PDB file of N, CA and C in Angstrom:
ATOM      1  N   MET A   1      84.109 125.973 116.908  1.00  0.00           N
ATOM      2  CA  MET A   1      84.900 124.780 116.645  1.00  0.00           C
ATOM      3  C   MET A   1      84.873 124.482 115.150  1.00  0.00           C
ATOM      4  N   CYS A   2      86.026 124.194 114.618  1.00  0.00           N
ATOM      5  CA  CYS A   2      86.151 123.882 113.197  1.00  0.00           C
ATOM      6  C   CYS A   2      85.797 122.416 112.969  1.00  0.00           C
ATOM      7  N   THR A   3      84.846 122.170 112.097  1.00  0.00           N
ATOM      8  CA  THR A   3      84.448 120.788 111.833  1.00  0.00           C
ATOM      9  C   THR A   3      84.824 120.339 110.433  1.00  0.00           C
ATOM     10  N   GLU A   4      85.391 121.233 109.620  1.00  0.00           N
ATOM     11  CA  GLU A   4      85.782 120.870 108.263  1.00  0.00           C
ATOM     12  C   GLU A   4      87.290 120.729 108.168  1.00  0.00           C
ATOM     13  N   LEU A   5      87.710 119.816 107.328  1.00  0.00           N
ATOM     14  CA  LEU A   5      89.135 119.649 107.076  1.00  0.00           C
ATOM     15  C   LEU A   5      89.615 120.747 106.139  1.00  0.00           C
ATOM     16  N   PRO A   6      90.851 121.154 106.268  1.00  0.00           N
ATOM     17  CA  PRO A   6      91.360 122.154 105.328  1.00  0.00           C
ATOM     18  C   PRO A   6      91.349 121.593 103.910  1.00  0.00           C
ATOM     19  N   PRO A   7      91.210 122.469 102.885  1.00  0.00           N
ATOM     20  CA  PRO A   7      91.112 121.979 101.511  1.00  0.00           C
ATOM     21  C   PRO A   7      92.390 121.330 101.000  1.00  0.00           C
ATOM     22  N   HIS A   8      93.531 121.658 101.589  1.00  0.00           N
ATOM     23  CA  HIS A   8      94.805 121.106 101.149  1.00  0.00           C
ATOM     24  C   HIS A   8      95.558 120.577 102.360  1.00  0.00           C
ATOM     25  N   PRO A   9      96.360 119.535 102.157  1.00  0.00           N
ATOM     26  CA  PRO A   9      97.170 119.037 103.276  1.00  0.00           C
ATOM     27  C   PRO A   9      98.161 120.112 103.724  1.00  0.00           C
ATOM     28  N   SER A  10      98.438 120.113 104.995  1.00  0.00           N
ATOM     29  CA  SER A  10      99.422 121.066 105.513  1.00  0.00           C
ATOM     30  C   SER A  10     100.808 120.650 105.060  1.00  0.00           C
ATOM     31  N   ALA A  11     101.753 121.561 105.198  1.00  0.00           N
ATOM     32  CA  ALA A  11     103.142 121.249 104.855  1.00  0.00           C
ATOM     33  C   ALA A  11     103.639 120.077 105.693  1.00  0.00           C
ATOM     34  N   GLU A  12     103.249 120.032 106.953  1.00  0.00           N
ATOM     35  CA  GLU A  12     103.651 118.920 107.827  1.00  0.00           C
ATOM     36  C   GLU A  12     103.092 117.600 107.321  1.00  0.00           C
ATOM     37  N   ASP A  13     101.815 117.604 106.904  1.00  0.00           N
ATOM     38  CA  ASP A  13     101.203 116.386 106.369  1.00  0.00           C
ATOM     39  C   ASP A  13     101.935 115.906 105.122  1.00  0.00           C
ATOM     40  N   GLU A  14     102.324 116.839 104.260  1.00  0.00           N
ATOM     41  CA  GLU A  14     103.029 116.464 103.042  1.00  0.00           C
ATOM     42  C   GLU A  14     104.406 115.889 103.350  1.00  0.00           C
ATOM     43  N   VAL A  15     105.104 116.467 104.317  1.00  0.00           N
ATOM     44  CA  VAL A  15     106.423 115.955 104.703  1.00  0.00           C
ATOM     45  C   VAL A  15     106.283 114.551 105.285  1.00  0.00           C
ATOM     46  N   LEU A  16     105.309 114.354 106.166  1.00  0.00           N
ATOM     47  CA  LEU A  16     105.096 113.033 106.768  1.00  0.00           C
ATOM     48  C   LEU A  16     104.712 111.997 105.718  1.00  0.00           C
ATOM     49  N   ALA A  17     103.874 112.379 104.772  1.00  0.00           N
ATOM     50  CA  ALA A  17     103.487 111.450 103.701  1.00  0.00           C
ATOM     51  C   ALA A  17     104.711 111.078 102.865  1.00  0.00           C
ATOM     52  N   GLY A  18     105.566 112.046 102.588  1.00  0.00           N
ATOM     53  CA  GLY A  18     106.786 111.770 101.836  1.00  0.00           C
ATOM     54  C   GLY A  18     107.707 110.823 102.585  1.00  0.00           C
ATOM     55  N   LEU A  19     107.819 111.011 103.885  1.00  0.00           N
ATOM     56  CA  LEU A  19     108.639 110.116 104.703  1.00  0.00           C
ATOM     57  C   LEU A  19     108.080 108.697 104.696  1.00  0.00           C
ATOM     58  N   ARG A  20     106.758 108.580 104.806  1.00  0.00           N
ATOM     59  CA  ARG A  20     106.130 107.248 104.771  1.00  0.00           C
ATOM     60  C   ARG A  20     106.390 106.567 103.432  1.00  0.00           C
ATOM     61  N   ARG A  21     106.251 107.310 102.336  1.00  0.00           N
ATOM     62  CA  ARG A  21     106.509 106.723 101.015  1.00  0.00           C
ATOM     63  C   ARG A  21     107.956 106.253 100.900  1.00  0.00           C
ATOM     64  N   ARG A  22     108.881 107.062 101.409  1.00  0.00           N
ATOM     65  CA  ARG A  22     110.302 106.696 101.344  1.00  0.00           C
ATOM     66  C   ARG A  22     110.562 105.438 102.166  1.00  0.00           C
ATOM     67  N   LEU A  23     109.990 105.359 103.372  1.00  0.00           N
ATOM     68  CA  LEU A  23     110.176 104.172 104.216  1.00  0.00           C
ATOM     69  C   LEU A  23     109.625 102.919 103.544  1.00  0.00           C
ATOM     70  N   VAL A  24     108.477 103.042 102.908  1.00  0.00           N
ATOM     71  CA  VAL A  24     107.891 101.884 102.218  1.00  0.00           C
ATOM     72  C   VAL A  24     108.769 101.476 101.042  1.00  0.00           C
ATOM     73  N   ARG A  25     109.236 102.447 100.246  1.00  0.00           N
ATOM     74  CA  ARG A  25     110.121 102.117  99.116  1.00  0.00           C
ATOM     75  C   ARG A  25     111.382 101.422  99.606  1.00  0.00           C
ATOM     76  N   GLU A  26     111.977 101.917 100.680  1.00  0.00           N
ATOM     77  CA  GLU A  26     113.199 101.304 101.218  1.00  0.00           C
ATOM     78  C   GLU A  26     112.923  99.895 101.739  1.00  0.00           C
ATOM     79  N   ALA A  27     111.783  99.715 102.397  1.00  0.00           N
ATOM     80  CA  ALA A  27     111.435  98.387 102.915  1.00  0.00           C
ATOM     81  C   ALA A  27     111.191  97.419 101.763  1.00  0.00           C
ATOM     82  N   VAL A  28     110.508  97.860 100.726  1.00  0.00           N
ATOM     83  CA  VAL A  28     110.268  96.993  99.562  1.00  0.00           C
ATOM     84  C   VAL A  28     111.596  96.591  98.928  1.00  0.00           C
ATOM     85  N   ALA A  29     112.511  97.543  98.802  1.00  0.00           N
ATOM     86  CA  ALA A  29     113.826  97.247  98.205  1.00  0.00           C
ATOM     87  C   ALA A  29     114.617  96.258  99.051  1.00  0.00           C
ATOM     88  N   ALA A  30     114.363  96.222 100.361  1.00  0.00           N
ATOM     89  CA  ALA A  30     115.096  95.329 101.264  1.00  0.00           C
ATOM     90  C   ALA A  30     114.504  93.919 101.315  1.00  0.00           C
ATOM     91  N   LEU A  31     113.375  93.699 100.660  1.00  0.00           N
ATOM     92  CA  LEU A  31     112.752  92.376 100.675  1.00  0.00           C
ATOM     93  C   LEU A  31     113.640  91.369  99.945  1.00  0.00           C
ATOM     94  N   PRO A  32     113.559  90.099 100.334  1.00  0.00           N
ATOM     95  CA  PRO A  32     114.399  89.076  99.695  1.00  0.00           C
ATOM     96  C   PRO A  32     113.843  88.611  98.350  1.00  0.00           C
ATOM     97  N   GLY A  33     114.724  88.032  97.557  1.00  0.00           N
ATOM     98  CA  GLY A  33     114.342  87.338  96.326  1.00  0.00           C
ATOM     99  C   GLY A  33     113.568  88.186  95.340  1.00  0.00           C
ATOM    100  N   ARG A  34     112.477  87.607  94.844  1.00  0.00           N
ATOM    101  CA  ARG A  34     111.628  88.277  93.855  1.00  0.00           C
ATOM    102  C   ARG A  34     110.629  89.232  94.486  1.00  0.00           C
ATOM    103  N   CYS A  35     110.609  89.307  95.795  1.00  0.00           N
ATOM    104  CA  CYS A  35     109.600  90.108  96.475  1.00  0.00           C
ATOM    105  C   CYS A  35     109.573  91.573  96.034  1.00  0.00           C
ATOM    106  N   PRO A  36     110.726  92.249  95.873  1.00  0.00           N
ATOM    107  CA  PRO A  36     110.629  93.645  95.439  1.00  0.00           C
ATOM    108  C   PRO A  36     109.905  93.807  94.100  1.00  0.00           C
ATOM    109  N   GLN A  37     110.212  92.918  93.138  1.00  0.00           N
ATOM    110  CA  GLN A  37     109.559  93.006  91.837  1.00  0.00           C
ATOM    111  C   GLN A  37     108.076  92.668  91.932  1.00  0.00           C
ATOM    112  N   LEU A  38     107.752  91.670  92.735  1.00  0.00           N
ATOM    113  CA  LEU A  38     106.365  91.253  92.877  1.00  0.00           C
ATOM    114  C   LEU A  38     105.536  92.332  93.555  1.00  0.00           C
ATOM    115  N   VAL A  39     106.037  92.884  94.651  1.00  0.00           N
ATOM    116  CA  VAL A  39     105.294  93.921  95.368  1.00  0.00           C
ATOM    117  C   VAL A  39     105.151  95.168  94.498  1.00  0.00           C
ATOM    118  N   ALA A  40     106.209  95.551  93.787  1.00  0.00           N
ATOM    119  CA  ALA A  40     106.124  96.718  92.902  1.00  0.00           C
ATOM    120  C   ALA A  40     105.084  96.483  91.803  1.00  0.00           C
ATOM    121  N   ALA A  41     105.067  95.286  91.239  1.00  0.00           N
ATOM    122  CA  ALA A  41     104.095  94.986  90.177  1.00  0.00           C
ATOM    123  C   ALA A  41     102.669  95.035  90.713  1.00  0.00           C
ATOM    124  N   LEU A  42     102.464  94.550  91.926  1.00  0.00           N
ATOM    125  CA  LEU A  42     101.118  94.564  92.507  1.00  0.00           C
ATOM    126  C   LEU A  42     100.634  95.981  92.795  1.00  0.00           C
ATOM    127  N   ALA A  43     101.559  96.932  92.896  1.00  0.00           N
ATOM    128  CA  ALA A  43     101.188  98.325  93.149  1.00  0.00           C
ATOM    129  C   ALA A  43     100.891  99.082  91.862  1.00  0.00           C
ATOM    130  N   GLU A  44     101.103  98.449  90.696  1.00  0.00           N
ATOM    131  CA  GLU A  44     100.823  99.108  89.422  1.00  0.00           C
ATOM    132  C   GLU A  44      99.328  99.341  89.273  1.00  0.00           C
ATOM    133  N   ASP A  45      98.979 100.334  88.466  1.00  0.00           N
ATOM    134  CA  ASP A  45      97.570 100.642  88.229  1.00  0.00           C
ATOM    135  C   ASP A  45      97.314 100.595  86.727  1.00  0.00           C
ATOM    136  N   PRO A  46      96.599  99.614  86.269  1.00  0.00           N
ATOM    137  CA  PRO A  46      96.013  98.493  86.997  1.00  0.00           C
ATOM    138  C   PRO A  46      97.061  97.427  87.267  1.00  0.00           C
ATOM    139  N   PRO A  47      96.850  96.637  88.310  1.00  0.00           N
ATOM    140  CA  PRO A  47      97.825  95.576  88.594  1.00  0.00           C
ATOM    141  C   PRO A  47      97.790  94.512  87.500  1.00  0.00           C
ATOM    142  N   PRO A  48      98.946  93.925  87.214  1.00  0.00           N
ATOM    143  CA  PRO A  48      98.965  92.869  86.197  1.00  0.00           C
ATOM    144  C   PRO A  48      98.221  91.625  86.691  1.00  0.00           C
ATOM    145  N   THR A  49      97.787  90.812  85.751  1.00  0.00           N
ATOM    146  CA  THR A  49      97.150  89.547  86.117  1.00  0.00           C
ATOM    147  C   THR A  49      98.217  88.587  86.634  1.00  0.00           C
ATOM    148  N   TYR A  50      97.776  87.531  87.288  1.00  0.00           N
ATOM    149  CA  TYR A  50      98.725  86.521  87.761  1.00  0.00           C
ATOM    150  C   TYR A  50      99.457  85.891  86.578  1.00  0.00           C
ATOM    151  N   ARG A  51      98.789  85.734  85.461  1.00  0.00           N
ATOM    152  CA  ARG A  51      99.436  85.184  84.268  1.00  0.00           C
ATOM    153  C   ARG A  51     100.557  86.116  83.802  1.00  0.00           C
ATOM    154  N   GLU A  52     100.272  87.423  83.763  1.00  0.00           N
ATOM    155  CA  GLU A  52     101.297  88.399  83.373  1.00  0.00           C
ATOM    156  C   GLU A  52     102.460  88.396  84.365  1.00  0.00           C
ATOM    157  N   LEU A  53     102.131  88.318  85.655  1.00  0.00           N
ATOM    158  CA  LEU A  53     103.185  88.276  86.678  1.00  0.00           C
ATOM    159  C   LEU A  53     104.042  87.020  86.517  1.00  0.00           C
ATOM    160  N   ALA A  54     103.397  85.898  86.277  1.00  0.00           N
ATOM    161  CA  ALA A  54     104.130  84.641  86.115  1.00  0.00           C
ATOM    162  C   ALA A  54     105.108  84.752  84.948  1.00  0.00           C
ATOM    163  N   ASP A  55     104.652  85.310  83.841  1.00  0.00           N
ATOM    164  CA  ASP A  55     105.527  85.475  82.675  1.00  0.00           C
ATOM    165  C   ASP A  55     106.658  86.451  82.987  1.00  0.00           C
ATOM    166  N   ARG A  56     106.321  87.573  83.610  1.00  0.00           N
ATOM    167  CA  ARG A  56     107.311  88.612  83.895  1.00  0.00           C
ATOM    168  C   ARG A  56     108.376  88.140  84.875  1.00  0.00           C
ATOM    169  N   LEU A  57     107.950  87.416  85.917  1.00  0.00           N
ATOM    170  CA  LEU A  57     108.873  87.009  86.977  1.00  0.00           C
ATOM    171  C   LEU A  57     109.438  85.615  86.776  1.00  0.00           C
ATOM    172  N   GLY A  58     108.956  84.897  85.753  1.00  0.00           N
ATOM    173  CA  GLY A  58     109.454  83.559  85.488  1.00  0.00           C
ATOM    174  C   GLY A  58     109.138  82.585  86.607  1.00  0.00           C
ATOM    175  N   MET A  59     107.906  82.630  87.085  1.00  0.00           N
ATOM    176  CA  MET A  59     107.506  81.716  88.157  1.00  0.00           C
ATOM    177  C   MET A  59     106.137  81.127  87.840  1.00  0.00           C
ATOM    178  N   PRO A  60     105.828  79.965  88.413  1.00  0.00           N
ATOM    179  CA  PRO A  60     104.521  79.351  88.150  1.00  0.00           C
ATOM    180  C   PRO A  60     103.389  80.243  88.663  1.00  0.00           C
ATOM    181  N   ARG A  61     102.317  80.295  87.891  1.00  0.00           N
ATOM    182  CA  ARG A  61     101.173  81.128  88.277  1.00  0.00           C
ATOM    183  C   ARG A  61     100.634  80.724  89.641  1.00  0.00           C
ATOM    184  N   GLY A  62     100.628  79.433  89.945  1.00  0.00           N
ATOM    185  CA  GLY A  62     100.096  78.960  91.216  1.00  0.00           C
ATOM    186  C   GLY A  62     100.926  79.356  92.428  1.00  0.00           C
ATOM    187  N   SER A  63     102.147  79.783  92.209  1.00  0.00           N
ATOM    188  CA  SER A  63     102.982  80.174  93.355  1.00  0.00           C
ATOM    189  C   SER A  63     102.921  81.674  93.640  1.00  0.00           C
ATOM    190  N   ILE A  64     102.263  82.428  92.786  1.00  0.00           N
ATOM    191  CA  ILE A  64     102.225  83.876  92.982  1.00  0.00           C
ATOM    192  C   ILE A  64     101.459  84.245  94.247  1.00  0.00           C
ATOM    193  N   GLY A  65     100.302  83.668  94.476  1.00  0.00           N
ATOM    194  CA  GLY A  65      99.511  83.991  95.672  1.00  0.00           C
ATOM    195  C   GLY A  65     100.258  83.708  96.966  1.00  0.00           C
ATOM    196  N   PRO A  66     100.801  82.484  97.140  1.00  0.00           N
ATOM    197  CA  PRO A  66     101.559  82.203  98.349  1.00  0.00           C
ATOM    198  C   PRO A  66     102.812  83.073  98.490  1.00  0.00           C
ATOM    199  N   THR A  67     103.489  83.323  97.356  1.00  0.00           N
ATOM    200  CA  THR A  67     104.675  84.177  97.410  1.00  0.00           C
ATOM    201  C   THR A  67     104.280  85.597  97.798  1.00  0.00           C
ATOM    202  N   ARG A  68     103.187  86.079  97.232  1.00  0.00           N
ATOM    203  CA  ARG A  68     102.668  87.402  97.572  1.00  0.00           C
ATOM    204  C   ARG A  68     102.395  87.500  99.068  1.00  0.00           C
ATOM    205  N   ALA A  69     101.752  86.492  99.626  1.00  0.00           N
ATOM    206  CA  ALA A  69     101.434  86.495 101.050  1.00  0.00           C
ATOM    207  C   ALA A  69     102.714  86.553 101.893  1.00  0.00           C
ATOM    208  N   ARG A  70     103.726  85.762 101.524  1.00  0.00           N
ATOM    209  CA  ARG A  70     104.994  85.781 102.268  1.00  0.00           C
ATOM    210  C   ARG A  70     105.695  87.127 102.138  1.00  0.00           C
ATOM    211  N   CYS A  71     105.688  87.678 100.932  1.00  0.00           N
ATOM    212  CA  CYS A  71     106.343  88.974 100.706  1.00  0.00           C
ATOM    213  C   CYS A  71     105.667  90.071 101.519  1.00  0.00           C
ATOM    214  N   LEU A  72     104.349  90.092 101.515  1.00  0.00           N
ATOM    215  CA  LEU A  72     103.632  91.133 102.258  1.00  0.00           C
ATOM    216  C   LEU A  72     103.818  90.964 103.765  1.00  0.00           C
ATOM    217  N   ALA A  73     103.898  89.715 104.238  1.00  0.00           N
ATOM    218  CA  ALA A  73     104.159  89.485 105.666  1.00  0.00           C
ATOM    219  C   ALA A  73     105.546  90.003 106.037  1.00  0.00           C
ATOM    220  N   CYS A  74     106.503  89.753 105.175  1.00  0.00           N
ATOM    221  CA  CYS A  74     107.862  90.238 105.413  1.00  0.00           C
ATOM    222  C   CYS A  74     107.895  91.760 105.372  1.00  0.00           C
ATOM    223  N   LEU A  75     107.180  92.362 104.437  1.00  0.00           N
ATOM    224  CA  LEU A  75     107.117  93.820 104.336  1.00  0.00           C
ATOM    225  C   LEU A  75     106.499  94.415 105.600  1.00  0.00           C
ATOM    226  N   ARG A  76     105.421  93.805 106.080  1.00  0.00           N
ATOM    227  CA  ARG A  76     104.803  94.286 107.331  1.00  0.00           C
ATOM    228  C   ARG A  76     105.793  94.228 108.482  1.00  0.00           C
ATOM    229  N   ALA A  77     106.533  93.130 108.566  1.00  0.00           N
ATOM    230  CA  ALA A  77     107.514  92.979 109.648  1.00  0.00           C
ATOM    231  C   ALA A  77     108.612  94.042 109.545  1.00  0.00           C
ATOM    232  N   LEU A  78     109.098  94.284 108.334  1.00  0.00           N
ATOM    233  CA  LEU A  78     110.125  95.312 108.144  1.00  0.00           C
ATOM    234  C   LEU A  78     109.618  96.696 108.551  1.00  0.00           C
ATOM    235  N   LEU A  79     108.390  97.003 108.135  1.00  0.00           N
ATOM    236  CA  LEU A  79     107.832  98.313 108.464  1.00  0.00           C
ATOM    237  C   LEU A  79     107.552  98.440 109.955  1.00  0.00           C
ATOM    238  N   ARG A  80     107.119  97.354 110.576  1.00  0.00           N
ATOM    239  CA  ARG A  80     106.876  97.370 112.030  1.00  0.00           C
ATOM    240  C   ARG A  80     108.188  97.611 112.760  1.00  0.00           C
ATOM    241  N   THR A  81     109.253  96.957 112.317  1.00  0.00           N
ATOM    242  CA  THR A  81     110.572  97.134 112.929  1.00  0.00           C
ATOM    243  C   THR A  81     111.046  98.564 112.753  1.00  0.00           C
ATOM    244  N   GLU A  82     110.847  99.117 111.554  1.00  0.00           N
ATOM    245  CA  GLU A  82     111.267 100.485 111.280  1.00  0.00           C
ATOM    246  C   GLU A  82     110.508 101.483 112.150  1.00  0.00           C
ATOM    247  N   ARG A  83     109.236 101.220 112.356  1.00  0.00           N
ATOM    248  CA  ARG A  83     108.405 102.139 113.151  1.00  0.00           C
ATOM    249  C   ARG A  83     108.863 102.182 114.597  1.00  0.00           C
ATOM    250  N   HIS A  84     109.400 101.062 115.079  1.00  0.00           N
ATOM    251  CA  HIS A  84     109.839 100.986 116.483  1.00  0.00           C
ATOM    252  C   HIS A  84     111.304 101.307 116.647  1.00  0.00           C
ATOM    253  N   ALA A  85     111.982 101.606 115.561  1.00  0.00           N
ATOM    254  CA  ALA A  85     113.426 101.911 115.648  1.00  0.00           C
ATOM    255  C   ALA A  85     113.686 103.334 116.106  1.00  0.00           C
TER     256      ALA A  85
END
């Protein structure tokens, strides 16, 4: 019995990972309002500070956390819908 993982992902794994990335990008693009920009910024490495996000998106720093939560909830719902389609 093989107990070790192969050193490289299989071609199937790479195709599936590419499909997942595409679905996430499409779902992020379908988000309302500032959500696409906010979610994309949060995925940066390193992620910008809330102050930087507030300046970039032209929104109060105190609204970034709640907006982030709403955007991510909407993204989860979109991805859940896509998975069941």
